């Protein structure tokens, strides 16, 4: 397939490298600051299980020009939520009507935004359960586990994309899957505020209790809204807050797969906050706060965390400083 990765950031570069290794013709559409190092030294991706793959510059097409969207069989959108509408407009201008569009973005609104702007195209939502972080120039590291899930549709798209190193499955309950991911991703902001690695945060019972309280608050809102939540972890969504509150030795045994992460891993929002980049707080806590207002359910924890992230704290915060 001819695939354009629309938004060559951490997730886009990771996915693009492995899709190119599988034989697809991959173009990375992105900014010069990301593409220039790849152009000179290739693209390296690694993961927590020992994967180490380098795609030479000749294996990938690199472009800052959205005209590269012309001729694509598939466009995988990986831009931040704030840039989705702009990317949708570029796809409408440059890409043929027969081109499929797949959103591999956080939040619930991105696929809807793409569908609204591209009403005559095969637009599908997707869910990426793992995080990818830059570790060196033109080097991206997958730090957590999980498999990509995409919306079911014609053409067996998941089968065409799947490789042993890049498994993809399809679901006819993609919104429930996305909501499950969103509930888990509420911890992105907590991790960013904590200054801790994900592993150290999960091994601290005080942080886990705050994670559990935030998750329980979100689940109450989603239940009131009649929204189905499909778990993206080995545990049912409703059980996860209870497991998080357990004493650490018991939690570590029961939730061993939740701890299958690189010891140095932090969330993407933590890196965005450190770099002074816009965060996706409105696509995460913002969704819960909005639904809470609509259904008269108070959301003090999510509201407090959203407020703190938008203040861009200069130093890590403690649990007591965050708890409303």
Protein backbone atom coordinates (compact mmCIF):
# COMPACT_ATOMS: atom_id res chain seq x y z
CA UNK A 1 0.00 0.00 0.00
CA UNK A 2 0.98 3.62 -0.47
CA UNK A 3 0.63 5.09 3.02
CA UNK A 4 1.04 8.69 4.14
CA UNK A 5 1.59 9.33 7.85
CA UNK A 6 -0.05 12.73 8.31
CA UNK A 7 1.76 14.16 11.30
CA UNK A 8 5.19 12.61 11.73
CA UNK A 9 5.62 12.86 15.50
CA UNK A 10 6.50 10.06 17.91
CA UNK A 11 3.57 7.74 17.11
CA UNK A 12 3.68 8.56 13.41
CA UNK A 13 7.40 7.86 13.08
CA UNK A 14 7.16 4.62 15.04
CA UNK A 15 4.25 3.29 12.99
CA UNK A 16 5.68 4.56 9.70
CA UNK A 17 9.03 2.87 10.25
CA UNK A 18 7.49 -0.55 10.93
CA UNK A 19 4.99 -0.25 8.06
CA UNK A 20 7.85 0.61 5.69
CA UNK A 21 9.81 -2.40 6.99
CA UNK A 22 6.78 -4.55 6.10
CA UNK A 23 7.02 -3.45 2.46
CA UNK A 24 4.53 -0.60 2.27
CA UNK A 25 5.47 2.61 0.49
CA UNK A 26 5.47 5.07 3.39
CA UNK A 27 5.64 8.86 3.26
CA UNK A 28 6.13 10.85 6.46
CA UNK A 29 4.39 14.22 6.22
CA UNK A 30 5.72 16.46 8.95
CA UNK A 31 7.83 19.38 10.06
CA UNK A 32 11.42 19.98 9.00
CA UNK A 33 12.70 19.71 12.59
CA UNK A 34 11.53 16.07 12.64
CA UNK A 35 12.25 15.12 9.04
CA UNK A 36 15.73 16.60 8.54
CA UNK A 37 17.49 14.31 11.05
CA UNK A 38 15.72 11.29 9.48
CA UNK A 39 16.84 12.46 6.04
CA UNK A 40 20.47 12.52 7.12
CA UNK A 41 20.71 9.45 9.37
CA UNK A 42 17.61 7.31 8.92
CA UNK A 43 14.89 6.50 11.45
CA UNK A 44 15.47 4.20 14.43
CA UNK A 45 12.67 2.68 16.51
CA UNK A 46 13.05 0.54 19.63
CA UNK A 47 10.74 -0.90 22.27
CA UNK A 48 10.68 -2.19 25.86
CA UNK A 49 10.92 -5.83 24.70
CA UNK A 50 14.18 -5.39 22.80
CA UNK A 51 13.02 -4.39 19.31
CA UNK A 52 15.66 -2.35 17.49
CA UNK A 53 14.90 -1.41 13.90
CA UNK A 54 16.57 1.18 11.69
CA UNK A 55 14.95 2.37 8.48
CA UNK A 56 17.49 3.97 6.19
CA UNK A 57 16.49 7.33 4.74
CA UNK A 58 16.00 5.65 1.35
CA UNK A 59 13.26 3.39 2.74
CA UNK A 60 10.98 6.33 3.58
CA UNK A 61 9.64 9.27 1.63
CA UNK A 62 9.86 12.50 3.60
CA UNK A 63 7.77 15.56 2.82
CA UNK A 64 6.68 18.87 4.28
CA UNK A 65 4.32 19.40 1.34
CA UNK A 66 0.71 18.16 1.74
CA UNK A 67 0.64 17.50 -1.99
CA UNK A 68 2.21 14.15 -1.05
CA UNK A 69 -1.30 13.08 0.02
CA UNK A 70 -2.17 12.71 -3.66
CA UNK A 71 -2.00 9.05 -4.71
CA UNK A 72 -2.13 7.56 -1.19
CA UNK A 73 -4.11 4.37 -0.63
CA UNK A 74 -4.26 5.11 3.11
CA UNK A 75 -3.68 8.24 5.18
CA UNK A 76 -2.91 7.63 8.85
CA UNK A 77 -3.58 10.81 10.82
CA UNK A 78 -1.35 11.21 13.88
CA UNK A 79 -1.37 14.97 14.42
CA UNK A 80 -2.35 16.45 17.79
CA UNK A 81 -6.06 17.09 18.23
CA UNK A 82 -5.70 20.85 17.77
CA UNK A 83 -4.40 20.26 14.22
CA UNK A 84 -7.03 17.73 13.08
CA UNK A 85 -9.35 20.20 11.34
CA UNK A 86 -6.44 21.69 9.41
CA UNK A 87 -5.22 18.25 8.35
CA UNK A 88 -8.76 17.27 7.31
CA UNK A 89 -8.91 20.33 5.04
CA UNK A 90 -5.58 19.38 3.44
CA UNK A 91 -6.79 15.82 2.84
CA UNK A 92 -9.95 17.18 1.19
CA UNK A 93 -7.84 19.28 -1.17
CA UNK A 94 -5.08 16.82 -2.05
CA UNK A 95 -6.20 13.21 -1.55
CA UNK A 96 -8.35 11.21 -3.99
CA UNK A 97 -11.87 10.24 -2.90
CA UNK A 98 -10.91 6.55 -2.78
CA UNK A 99 -8.23 7.09 -0.14
CA UNK A 100 -9.03 5.59 3.26
CA UNK A 101 -8.33 7.76 6.32
CA UNK A 102 -7.41 6.26 9.69
CA UNK A 103 -7.18 8.34 12.88
CA UNK A 104 -4.60 7.05 15.37
CA UNK A 105 -5.09 9.95 17.79
CA UNK A 106 -6.05 10.42 21.41
CA UNK A 107 -9.53 11.63 22.31
CA UNK A 108 -13.01 11.14 20.90
CA UNK A 109 -13.47 14.11 18.57
CA UNK A 110 -10.77 13.51 15.97
CA UNK A 111 -12.52 10.87 13.88
CA UNK A 112 -15.74 12.91 14.07
CA UNK A 113 -13.90 16.00 12.85
CA UNK A 114 -12.40 14.02 9.97
CA UNK A 115 -15.78 12.51 9.02
CA UNK A 116 -17.45 15.91 9.01
CA UNK A 117 -14.81 17.38 6.71
CA UNK A 118 -14.52 14.23 4.54
CA UNK A 119 -18.12 12.95 4.26
CA UNK A 120 -17.58 10.85 1.12
CA UNK A 121 -14.53 8.94 2.32
CA UNK A 122 -13.79 5.81 4.34
CA UNK A 123 -12.80 7.45 7.64
CA UNK A 124 -12.10 5.19 10.61
CA UNK A 125 -11.24 5.71 14.23
CA UNK A 126 -8.38 3.84 15.85
CA UNK A 127 -6.88 3.31 19.30
CA UNK A 128 -3.16 3.15 20.10
CA UNK A 129 -2.72 1.73 23.63
CA UNK A 130 1.03 2.28 23.92
CA UNK A 131 3.12 5.42 24.24
CA UNK A 132 6.15 6.31 22.16
CA UNK A 133 8.77 8.85 23.19
CA UNK A 134 11.81 10.39 21.49
CA UNK A 135 15.02 9.14 23.07
CA UNK A 136 17.62 10.57 20.68
CA UNK A 137 17.83 12.33 17.35
CA UNK A 138 15.60 10.47 14.84
CA UNK A 139 15.07 7.74 17.46
CA UNK A 140 11.72 6.77 18.98
CA UNK A 141 11.08 4.27 21.76
CA UNK A 142 7.86 2.40 22.50
CA UNK A 143 7.74 2.20 26.28
CA UNK A 144 4.50 0.33 27.05
CA UNK A 145 2.58 -2.69 25.75
CA UNK A 146 -0.69 -3.20 23.85
CA UNK A 147 -2.01 -3.66 20.31
CA UNK A 148 -3.58 -1.14 17.95
CA UNK A 149 -7.34 -1.50 17.42
CA UNK A 150 -9.12 0.10 14.46
CA UNK A 151 -12.74 0.48 13.47
CA UNK A 152 -14.17 -2.43 11.50
CA UNK A 153 -14.82 -1.73 7.83
CA UNK A 154 -14.43 -2.99 4.27
CA UNK A 155 -11.20 -4.27 2.77
CA UNK A 156 -9.61 -6.14 5.72
CA UNK A 157 -7.45 -3.12 6.50
CA UNK A 158 -6.15 -4.57 9.77
CA UNK A 159 -4.95 -7.72 8.03
CA UNK A 160 -3.07 -5.67 5.42
CA UNK A 161 -1.34 -3.61 8.10
CA UNK A 162 -0.51 -6.41 10.54
CA UNK A 163 3.00 -7.79 10.95
CA UNK A 164 4.53 -9.73 13.88
CA UNK A 165 6.05 -6.47 15.15
CA UNK A 166 2.95 -4.38 14.36
CA UNK A 167 -0.27 -6.28 15.18
CA UNK A 168 -3.54 -4.52 14.34
CA UNK A 169 -7.07 -5.78 15.08
CA UNK A 170 -10.52 -4.49 14.09
CA UNK A 171 -13.51 -3.84 16.34
CA UNK A 172 -17.15 -3.00 15.69
CA UNK A 173 -17.23 -1.33 19.16
CA UNK A 174 -14.51 1.20 18.47
CA UNK A 175 -16.12 4.06 20.42
CA UNK A 176 -16.33 1.87 23.53
CA UNK A 177 -12.66 0.94 23.00
CA UNK A 178 -11.74 4.62 22.61
CA UNK A 179 -13.59 5.57 25.78
CA UNK A 180 -11.73 2.81 27.61
CA UNK A 181 -8.44 4.24 26.36
CA UNK A 182 -9.50 7.77 27.31
CA UNK A 183 -10.23 6.69 30.90
CA UNK A 184 -6.75 5.14 31.15
CA UNK A 185 -5.19 8.19 29.45
CA UNK A 186 -6.55 10.48 32.15
CA UNK A 187 -3.37 9.46 33.97
CA UNK A 188 -1.29 11.24 31.30
CA UNK A 189 -1.86 14.53 33.08
CA UNK A 190 -1.22 13.10 36.55
CA UNK A 191 2.04 11.61 35.36
CA UNK A 192 3.04 14.94 33.82
CA UNK A 193 2.32 16.77 37.09
CA UNK A 194 4.12 14.16 39.23
CA UNK A 195 7.53 14.30 37.57
CA UNK A 196 7.75 10.52 38.10
CA UNK A 197 8.24 7.68 35.68
CA UNK A 198 5.10 5.64 35.04
CA UNK A 199 6.59 2.68 36.86
CA UNK A 200 7.45 4.68 39.98
CA UNK A 201 4.03 6.33 39.91
CA UNK A 202 2.28 2.95 39.73
CA UNK A 203 4.37 1.63 42.62
CA UNK A 204 3.31 4.54 44.86
CA UNK A 205 -0.03 3.81 46.55
CA UNK A 206 -0.85 7.49 47.14
CA UNK A 207 -0.56 8.23 43.44
CA UNK A 208 -2.55 5.10 42.59
CA UNK A 209 -5.36 6.21 44.91
CA UNK A 210 -5.53 9.56 43.13
CA UNK A 211 -5.49 7.75 39.77
CA UNK A 212 -8.32 5.53 41.01
CA UNK A 213 -10.40 8.46 42.26
CA UNK A 214 -10.01 10.28 38.95
CA UNK A 215 -10.94 7.15 37.00
CA UNK A 216 -13.95 6.41 39.21
CA UNK A 217 -15.17 9.99 38.73
CA UNK A 218 -14.91 9.59 34.96
CA UNK A 219 -16.70 6.23 35.00
CA UNK A 220 -19.58 7.77 36.97
CA UNK A 221 -19.94 10.46 34.33
CA UNK A 222 -19.84 7.95 31.47
CA UNK A 223 -22.42 5.74 33.20
CA UNK A 224 -24.75 8.72 33.63
CA UNK A 225 -24.30 9.52 29.94
CA UNK A 226 -25.12 5.92 28.95
CA UNK A 227 -21.74 5.46 27.30
CA UNK A 228 -20.26 1.97 26.96
CA UNK A 229 -16.65 1.60 28.10
CA UNK A 230 -14.55 -1.32 26.82
CA UNK A 231 -11.43 -2.02 28.85
CA UNK A 232 -8.08 -1.71 27.08
CA UNK A 233 -6.26 -3.54 29.88
CA UNK A 234 -6.57 -7.14 31.14
CA UNK A 235 -8.93 -5.84 33.87
CA UNK A 236 -12.58 -4.79 33.39
CA UNK A 237 -12.89 -1.00 33.41
CA UNK A 238 -15.06 -0.92 36.55
CA UNK A 239 -12.54 -3.06 38.46
CA UNK A 240 -9.44 -1.02 37.71
CA UNK A 241 -9.99 1.68 40.40
CA UNK A 242 -10.40 -1.05 43.04
CA UNK A 243 -7.17 -2.75 41.94
CA UNK A 244 -5.28 0.55 41.97
CA UNK A 245 -6.24 1.14 45.62
CA UNK A 246 -4.79 -2.18 46.84
CA UNK A 247 -1.59 -2.27 48.94
CA UNK A 248 1.45 -2.18 46.67
CA UNK A 249 2.63 -5.82 47.14
CA UNK A 250 -0.85 -7.12 46.28
CA UNK A 251 -1.29 -4.63 43.44
CA UNK A 252 2.06 -5.66 41.94
CA UNK A 253 1.04 -9.32 41.82
CA UNK A 254 -2.47 -8.80 40.45
CA UNK A 255 -1.61 -6.07 37.97
CA UNK A 256 1.70 -7.44 36.72
CA UNK A 257 0.77 -6.76 33.09
CA UNK A 258 0.05 -3.11 33.91
CA UNK A 259 3.71 -2.88 34.95
CA UNK A 260 5.00 -4.18 31.59
CA UNK A 261 6.56 -0.84 30.80
CA UNK A 262 10.01 0.56 30.29
CA UNK A 263 11.41 1.71 33.67
CA UNK A 264 12.14 5.18 32.27
CA UNK A 265 8.77 5.65 30.54
CA UNK A 266 6.68 8.75 31.08
CA UNK A 267 3.54 9.85 29.26
CA UNK A 268 3.59 11.96 26.11
CA UNK A 269 1.91 14.80 28.02
CA UNK A 270 4.86 14.87 30.40
CA UNK A 271 7.19 15.50 27.45
CA UNK A 272 4.81 18.10 25.98
CA UNK A 273 4.68 19.95 29.29
CA UNK A 274 8.47 19.93 29.65
CA UNK A 275 8.91 21.20 26.09
CA UNK A 276 6.29 23.92 26.46
CA UNK A 277 4.13 22.39 23.72
CA UNK A 278 0.31 22.45 23.81
CA UNK A 279 -1.12 19.41 25.59
CA UNK A 280 -4.19 17.33 24.77
CA UNK A 281 -5.85 18.01 28.13
CA UNK A 282 -9.06 19.21 26.43
CA UNK A 283 -9.34 15.91 24.56
CA UNK A 284 -8.96 13.92 27.79
CA UNK A 285 -10.07 15.54 31.07
CA UNK A 286 -11.95 18.11 28.96
CA UNK A 287 -14.25 15.41 27.55
CA UNK A 288 -15.17 14.19 31.05
CA UNK A 289 -15.72 17.73 32.36
CA UNK A 290 -17.99 18.56 29.39
CA UNK A 291 -20.07 15.40 29.84
CA UNK A 292 -20.27 16.05 33.58
CA UNK A 293 -21.79 19.46 32.92
CA UNK A 294 -24.28 17.97 30.46
CA UNK A 295 -25.47 15.34 32.96
CA UNK A 296 -25.19 17.35 36.20
CA UNK A 297 -22.35 15.18 37.56
CA UNK A 298 -19.61 17.05 39.42
CA UNK A 299 -16.02 16.44 38.26
CA UNK A 300 -13.80 18.12 40.88
CA UNK A 301 -10.76 15.89 40.32
CA UNK A 302 -10.70 16.10 36.54
CA UNK A 303 -11.39 19.85 36.71
CA UNK A 304 -8.56 20.42 39.18
CA UNK A 305 -6.07 18.43 37.11
CA UNK A 306 -7.09 20.22 33.91
CA UNK A 307 -6.62 23.58 35.64
CA UNK A 308 -3.15 22.63 36.91
CA UNK A 309 -1.95 21.41 33.50
CA UNK A 310 -3.09 24.65 31.87
CA UNK A 311 -1.13 26.62 34.47
CA UNK A 312 2.05 24.78 33.29
CA UNK A 313 3.67 24.13 36.70
CA UNK A 314 7.42 24.69 36.83
CA UNK A 315 8.14 21.93 39.35
CA UNK A 316 6.61 18.50 40.06
CA UNK A 317 3.59 18.49 42.37
CA UNK A 318 2.69 16.16 45.22
CA UNK A 319 -0.54 14.23 45.57
CA UNK A 320 -1.69 16.64 48.30
CA UNK A 321 -1.09 19.63 46.03
CA UNK A 322 -3.25 18.10 43.29
CA UNK A 323 -6.12 16.66 45.32
CA UNK A 324 -9.06 19.11 45.31
